[in-house]
């Protein structure tokens, strides 16, 4: 696939051996990318929401309890395979997990 992509960009076809030698010379490695799930809220909005939840919990009467549901069993992350990376780097892949909560 790497050879086909290089051919698509450059119009030049190389053999698997040549591509392997080139990758070795560049010290390119195969590694797993890091899944990233950034919070869609701004820093101020997130802090306000957390403060609101803490205030709600602190103001509960003695006979009431706060409960929450964790969606830990919902798996929204895609399966990530190996990718080519330069030495000292790790590719980051944005994932849909945590796209609506922080």
N, C-alpha and C. Protein backbone atom coordinates (compact mmCIF):
# COMPACT_ATOMS: atom_id res chain seq x y z
N UNK A 1 0.82 -1.18 0.00
CA UNK A 1 0.00 0.00 0.00
C UNK A 1 0.87 1.26 0.00
N UNK A 2 1.97 1.20 0.73
CA UNK A 2 2.89 2.34 0.76
C UNK A 2 3.49 2.59 -0.62
N UNK A 3 3.81 1.52 -1.32
CA UNK A 3 4.36 1.65 -2.67
C UNK A 3 3.32 2.24 -3.61
N UNK A 4 2.07 1.78 -3.49
CA UNK A 4 1.00 2.31 -4.35
C UNK A 4 0.74 3.79 -4.06
N UNK A 5 0.79 4.17 -2.80
CA UNK A 5 0.59 5.58 -2.44
C UNK A 5 1.72 6.44 -2.99
N UNK A 6 2.95 5.97 -2.85
CA UNK A 6 4.10 6.71 -3.39
C UNK A 6 3.99 6.84 -4.90
N UNK A 7 3.54 5.77 -5.56
CA UNK A 7 3.37 5.83 -7.01
C UNK A 7 2.28 6.83 -7.40
N UNK A 8 1.21 6.87 -6.63
CA UNK A 8 0.12 7.80 -6.93
C UNK A 8 0.60 9.25 -6.82
N UNK A 9 1.43 9.55 -5.80
CA UNK A 9 1.93 10.91 -5.62
C UNK A 9 3.04 11.28 -6.61
N UNK A 10 3.93 10.33 -6.92
CA UNK A 10 5.11 10.65 -7.72
C UNK A 10 5.03 10.15 -9.15
N UNK A 11 4.25 9.12 -9.41
CA UNK A 11 4.20 8.53 -10.73
C UNK A 11 5.34 7.54 -10.96
N UNK A 12 6.14 7.26 -9.94
CA UNK A 12 7.27 6.35 -10.05
C UNK A 12 6.96 5.07 -9.28
N UNK A 13 7.18 3.93 -9.90
CA UNK A 13 6.97 2.64 -9.25
C UNK A 13 8.31 2.09 -8.78
N UNK A 14 8.35 1.64 -7.53
CA UNK A 14 9.56 1.01 -6.99
C UNK A 14 9.20 -0.37 -6.47
N UNK A 15 10.21 -1.22 -6.35
CA UNK A 15 9.98 -2.58 -5.85
C UNK A 15 9.87 -2.58 -4.33
N UNK A 16 9.40 -3.70 -3.79
CA UNK A 16 9.28 -3.83 -2.33
C UNK A 16 10.66 -3.75 -1.68
N UNK A 17 11.66 -4.32 -2.32
CA UNK A 17 13.01 -4.29 -1.77
C UNK A 17 13.53 -2.86 -1.70
N UNK A 18 13.33 -2.11 -2.77
CA UNK A 18 13.78 -0.71 -2.79
C UNK A 18 13.06 0.11 -1.72
N UNK A 19 11.77 -0.11 -1.58
CA UNK A 19 11.02 0.63 -0.55
C UNK A 19 11.52 0.25 0.84
N UNK A 20 11.80 -1.03 1.05
CA UNK A 20 12.33 -1.47 2.34
C UNK A 20 13.68 -0.83 2.65
N UNK A 21 14.55 -0.76 1.65
CA UNK A 21 15.86 -0.12 1.84
C UNK A 21 15.71 1.36 2.14
N UNK A 22 14.80 2.01 1.45
CA UNK A 22 14.56 3.44 1.69
C UNK A 22 14.04 3.69 3.10
N UNK A 23 13.09 2.87 3.54
CA UNK A 23 12.55 3.02 4.89
C UNK A 23 13.63 2.77 5.95
N UNK A 24 14.49 1.78 5.69
CA UNK A 24 15.57 1.49 6.64
C UNK A 24 16.55 2.66 6.69
N UNK A 25 16.88 3.24 5.55
CA UNK A 25 17.81 4.37 5.50
C UNK A 25 17.24 5.58 6.23
N UNK A 26 15.93 5.77 6.11
CA UNK A 26 15.27 6.90 6.79
C UNK A 26 14.99 6.60 8.26
N UNK A 27 15.27 5.35 8.69
CA UNK A 27 15.02 4.88 10.06
C UNK A 27 13.54 4.98 10.43
N UNK A 28 12.69 4.73 9.43
CA UNK A 28 11.25 4.74 9.65
C UNK A 28 10.87 3.45 10.37
N UNK A 29 9.93 3.56 11.31
CA UNK A 29 9.51 2.39 12.06
C UNK A 29 8.01 2.19 11.94
N UNK A 30 7.58 0.97 12.17
CA UNK A 30 6.15 0.67 12.24
C UNK A 30 5.75 0.68 13.70
N UNK A 31 4.74 1.47 14.03
CA UNK A 31 4.29 1.53 15.41
C UNK A 31 2.79 1.80 15.46
N UNK A 32 2.26 1.72 16.65
CA UNK A 32 0.83 1.97 16.82
C UNK A 32 0.59 3.46 17.04
N UNK A 33 -0.36 4.04 16.33
CA UNK A 33 -0.70 5.44 16.58
C UNK A 33 -1.42 5.60 17.91
N UNK A 34 -1.36 6.80 18.46
CA UNK A 34 -1.99 7.09 19.74
C UNK A 34 -3.40 7.63 19.50
N UNK A 35 -4.43 6.95 20.01
CA UNK A 35 -5.79 7.48 19.83
C UNK A 35 -6.00 8.72 20.70
N UNK A 36 -6.57 9.75 20.13
CA UNK A 36 -6.82 11.00 20.84
C UNK A 36 -8.33 11.29 20.81
N UNK A 37 -8.86 11.72 21.92
CA UNK A 37 -10.28 12.08 22.01
C UNK A 37 -10.39 13.43 22.70
N UNK A 38 -10.20 14.51 21.96
CA UNK A 38 -10.23 15.82 22.58
C UNK A 38 -11.64 16.20 23.04
N UNK A 39 -11.71 16.98 24.10
CA UNK A 39 -12.99 17.45 24.62
C UNK A 39 -13.53 18.53 23.68
N UNK A 40 -14.77 18.43 23.24
CA UNK A 40 -15.30 19.43 22.31
C UNK A 40 -15.63 20.76 22.99
N UNK A 41 -15.67 20.77 24.31
CA UNK A 41 -15.98 22.00 25.03
C UNK A 41 -14.73 22.81 25.24
N UNK A 42 -14.90 24.12 25.34
CA UNK A 42 -13.80 25.00 25.69
C UNK A 42 -13.44 24.82 27.16
N UNK A 43 -12.29 25.32 27.54
CA UNK A 43 -11.81 25.16 28.91
C UNK A 43 -12.77 25.80 29.92
N UNK A 44 -13.29 26.97 29.61
CA UNK A 44 -14.19 27.67 30.54
C UNK A 44 -15.50 26.91 30.69
N UNK A 45 -16.07 26.45 29.58
CA UNK A 45 -17.33 25.71 29.62
C UNK A 45 -17.18 24.42 30.41
N UNK A 46 -16.06 23.73 30.22
CA UNK A 46 -15.82 22.49 30.95
C UNK A 46 -15.70 22.74 32.45
N UNK A 47 -14.95 23.78 32.84
CA UNK A 47 -14.80 24.10 34.26
C UNK A 47 -16.12 24.52 34.88
N UNK A 48 -16.94 25.26 34.14
CA UNK A 48 -18.25 25.66 34.64
C UNK A 48 -19.14 24.44 34.87
N UNK A 49 -19.12 23.49 33.94
CA UNK A 49 -19.94 22.29 34.08
C UNK A 49 -19.49 21.46 35.28
N UNK A 50 -18.19 21.31 35.46
CA UNK A 50 -17.67 20.54 36.60
C UNK A 50 -18.02 21.25 37.91
N UNK A 51 -17.91 22.57 37.95
CA UNK A 51 -18.26 23.33 39.16
C UNK A 51 -19.75 23.19 39.47
N UNK A 52 -20.59 23.20 38.43
CA UNK A 52 -22.02 23.04 38.62
C UNK A 52 -22.34 21.66 39.23
N UNK A 53 -21.67 20.64 38.74
CA UNK A 53 -21.89 19.29 39.28
C UNK A 53 -21.43 19.20 40.73
N UNK A 54 -20.26 19.77 41.02
CA UNK A 54 -19.79 19.75 42.41
C UNK A 54 -20.74 20.52 43.34
N UNK A 55 -21.25 21.65 42.88
CA UNK A 55 -22.20 22.43 43.69
C UNK A 55 -23.48 21.64 43.93
N UNK A 56 -23.96 20.94 42.92
CA UNK A 56 -25.16 20.12 43.06
C UNK A 56 -24.94 19.01 44.08
N UNK A 57 -23.81 18.35 44.02
CA UNK A 57 -23.50 17.28 44.97
C UNK A 57 -23.37 17.83 46.39
N UNK A 58 -22.71 18.97 46.53
CA UNK A 58 -22.52 19.57 47.86
C UNK A 58 -23.83 20.05 48.48
N UNK A 59 -24.82 20.38 47.65
CA UNK A 59 -26.08 20.91 48.17
C UNK A 59 -27.16 19.84 48.36
N UNK A 60 -26.83 18.58 48.18
CA UNK A 60 -27.81 17.52 48.36
C UNK A 60 -28.21 17.39 49.83
N UNK A 61 -29.50 17.15 50.09
CA UNK A 61 -29.92 16.86 51.46
C UNK A 61 -29.27 15.57 51.96
N UNK A 62 -29.25 15.40 53.27
CA UNK A 62 -28.56 14.25 53.89
C UNK A 62 -29.17 12.91 53.46
N UNK A 63 -30.46 12.88 53.15
CA UNK A 63 -31.12 11.62 52.81
C UNK A 63 -31.06 11.30 51.31
N UNK A 64 -30.42 12.12 50.55
CA UNK A 64 -30.33 11.89 49.11
C UNK A 64 -28.90 11.55 48.72
N UNK A 65 -28.77 10.84 47.61
CA UNK A 65 -27.46 10.45 47.11
C UNK A 65 -27.36 10.82 45.64
N UNK A 66 -26.17 11.14 45.22
CA UNK A 66 -25.91 11.43 43.80
C UNK A 66 -25.38 10.16 43.16
N UNK A 67 -25.94 9.79 42.03
CA UNK A 67 -25.48 8.63 41.29
C UNK A 67 -25.18 9.07 39.85
N UNK A 68 -24.34 8.32 39.20
CA UNK A 68 -24.05 8.61 37.81
C UNK A 68 -23.84 7.30 37.06
N UNK A 69 -23.94 7.40 35.76
CA UNK A 69 -23.75 6.22 34.93
C UNK A 69 -22.51 6.45 34.08
N UNK A 70 -21.65 5.48 34.10
CA UNK A 70 -20.44 5.56 33.30
C UNK A 70 -20.64 4.70 32.05
N UNK A 71 -20.38 5.30 30.91
CA UNK A 71 -20.57 4.56 29.66
C UNK A 71 -19.29 3.81 29.26
N UNK A 72 -18.62 3.24 30.26
CA UNK A 72 -17.36 2.54 30.00
C UNK A 72 -17.53 1.32 29.10
N UNK A 73 -18.71 0.75 29.06
CA UNK A 73 -18.91 -0.43 28.23
C UNK A 73 -19.20 -0.08 26.77
N UNK A 74 -19.40 1.20 26.47
CA UNK A 74 -19.64 1.62 25.09
C UNK A 74 -18.28 1.83 24.43
N UNK A 75 -17.99 1.06 23.41
CA UNK A 75 -16.70 1.14 22.74
C UNK A 75 -16.87 1.89 21.43
N UNK A 76 -16.45 3.17 21.42
CA UNK A 76 -16.59 3.99 20.22
C UNK A 76 -15.28 4.13 19.45
N UNK A 77 -14.20 3.60 20.01
CA UNK A 77 -12.90 3.76 19.37
C UNK A 77 -12.73 2.78 18.22
N UNK A 78 -12.22 3.27 17.10
CA UNK A 78 -11.94 2.36 15.98
C UNK A 78 -10.72 1.50 16.30
N UNK A 79 -10.59 0.40 15.63
CA UNK A 79 -9.41 -0.45 15.79
C UNK A 79 -8.27 0.16 14.98
N UNK A 80 -7.18 0.45 15.66
CA UNK A 80 -6.05 1.08 14.99
C UNK A 80 -4.95 0.06 14.73
N UNK A 81 -4.49 0.00 13.51
CA UNK A 81 -3.41 -0.90 13.16
C UNK A 81 -2.07 -0.17 13.19
N UNK A 82 -1.04 -0.83 12.72
CA UNK A 82 0.28 -0.23 12.69
C UNK A 82 0.35 0.84 11.62
N UNK A 83 1.28 1.79 11.81
CA UNK A 83 1.48 2.86 10.85
C UNK A 83 2.97 3.16 10.79
N UNK A 84 3.41 3.75 9.69
CA UNK A 84 4.81 4.11 9.54
C UNK A 84 5.06 5.47 10.20
N UNK A 85 6.14 5.56 11.00
CA UNK A 85 6.46 6.80 11.72
C UNK A 85 7.95 7.05 11.68
N UNK A 86 8.30 8.31 11.69
CA UNK A 86 9.71 8.68 11.77
C UNK A 86 10.22 8.46 13.18
N UNK A 87 11.53 8.32 13.35
CA UNK A 87 12.07 8.09 14.69
C UNK A 87 11.71 9.24 15.64
N UNK A 88 11.38 8.89 16.87
CA UNK A 88 11.08 9.89 17.88
C UNK A 88 9.71 10.52 17.75
N UNK A 89 8.86 9.99 16.89
CA UNK A 89 7.52 10.54 16.72
C UNK A 89 6.49 9.44 16.93
N UNK A 90 5.28 9.86 17.25
CA UNK A 90 4.17 8.93 17.33
C UNK A 90 2.96 9.62 16.71
N UNK A 91 2.39 8.99 15.72
CA UNK A 91 1.23 9.55 15.03
C UNK A 91 0.04 9.58 15.97
N UNK A 92 -0.77 10.63 15.88
CA UNK A 92 -1.98 10.75 16.70
C UNK A 92 -3.19 10.67 15.78
N UNK A 93 -4.18 9.89 16.20
CA UNK A 93 -5.39 9.69 15.41
C UNK A 93 -6.58 10.16 16.24
N UNK A 94 -7.37 11.08 15.70
CA UNK A 94 -8.56 11.55 16.40
C UNK A 94 -9.63 10.46 16.34
N UNK A 95 -10.22 10.17 17.49
CA UNK A 95 -11.24 9.14 17.58
C UNK A 95 -12.56 9.77 18.02
N UNK A 96 -13.69 9.13 17.72
CA UNK A 96 -14.98 9.70 18.10
C UNK A 96 -15.30 9.54 19.56
N UNK A 97 -14.61 8.70 20.30
CA UNK A 97 -14.90 8.53 21.74
C UNK A 97 -14.72 9.87 22.43
N UNK A 98 -15.57 10.17 23.34
CA UNK A 98 -15.54 11.41 24.10
C UNK A 98 -15.84 12.61 23.22
N UNK A 99 -16.57 12.43 22.15
CA UNK A 99 -16.90 13.58 21.31
C UNK A 99 -18.06 14.38 21.90
N UNK A 100 -18.75 13.81 22.91
CA UNK A 100 -19.87 14.55 23.49
C UNK A 100 -19.76 14.67 25.00
N UNK A 101 -18.75 14.07 25.61
CA UNK A 101 -18.53 14.23 27.05
C UNK A 101 -17.06 14.45 27.31
N UNK A 102 -16.75 14.87 28.51
CA UNK A 102 -15.33 15.07 28.85
C UNK A 102 -15.00 14.21 30.02
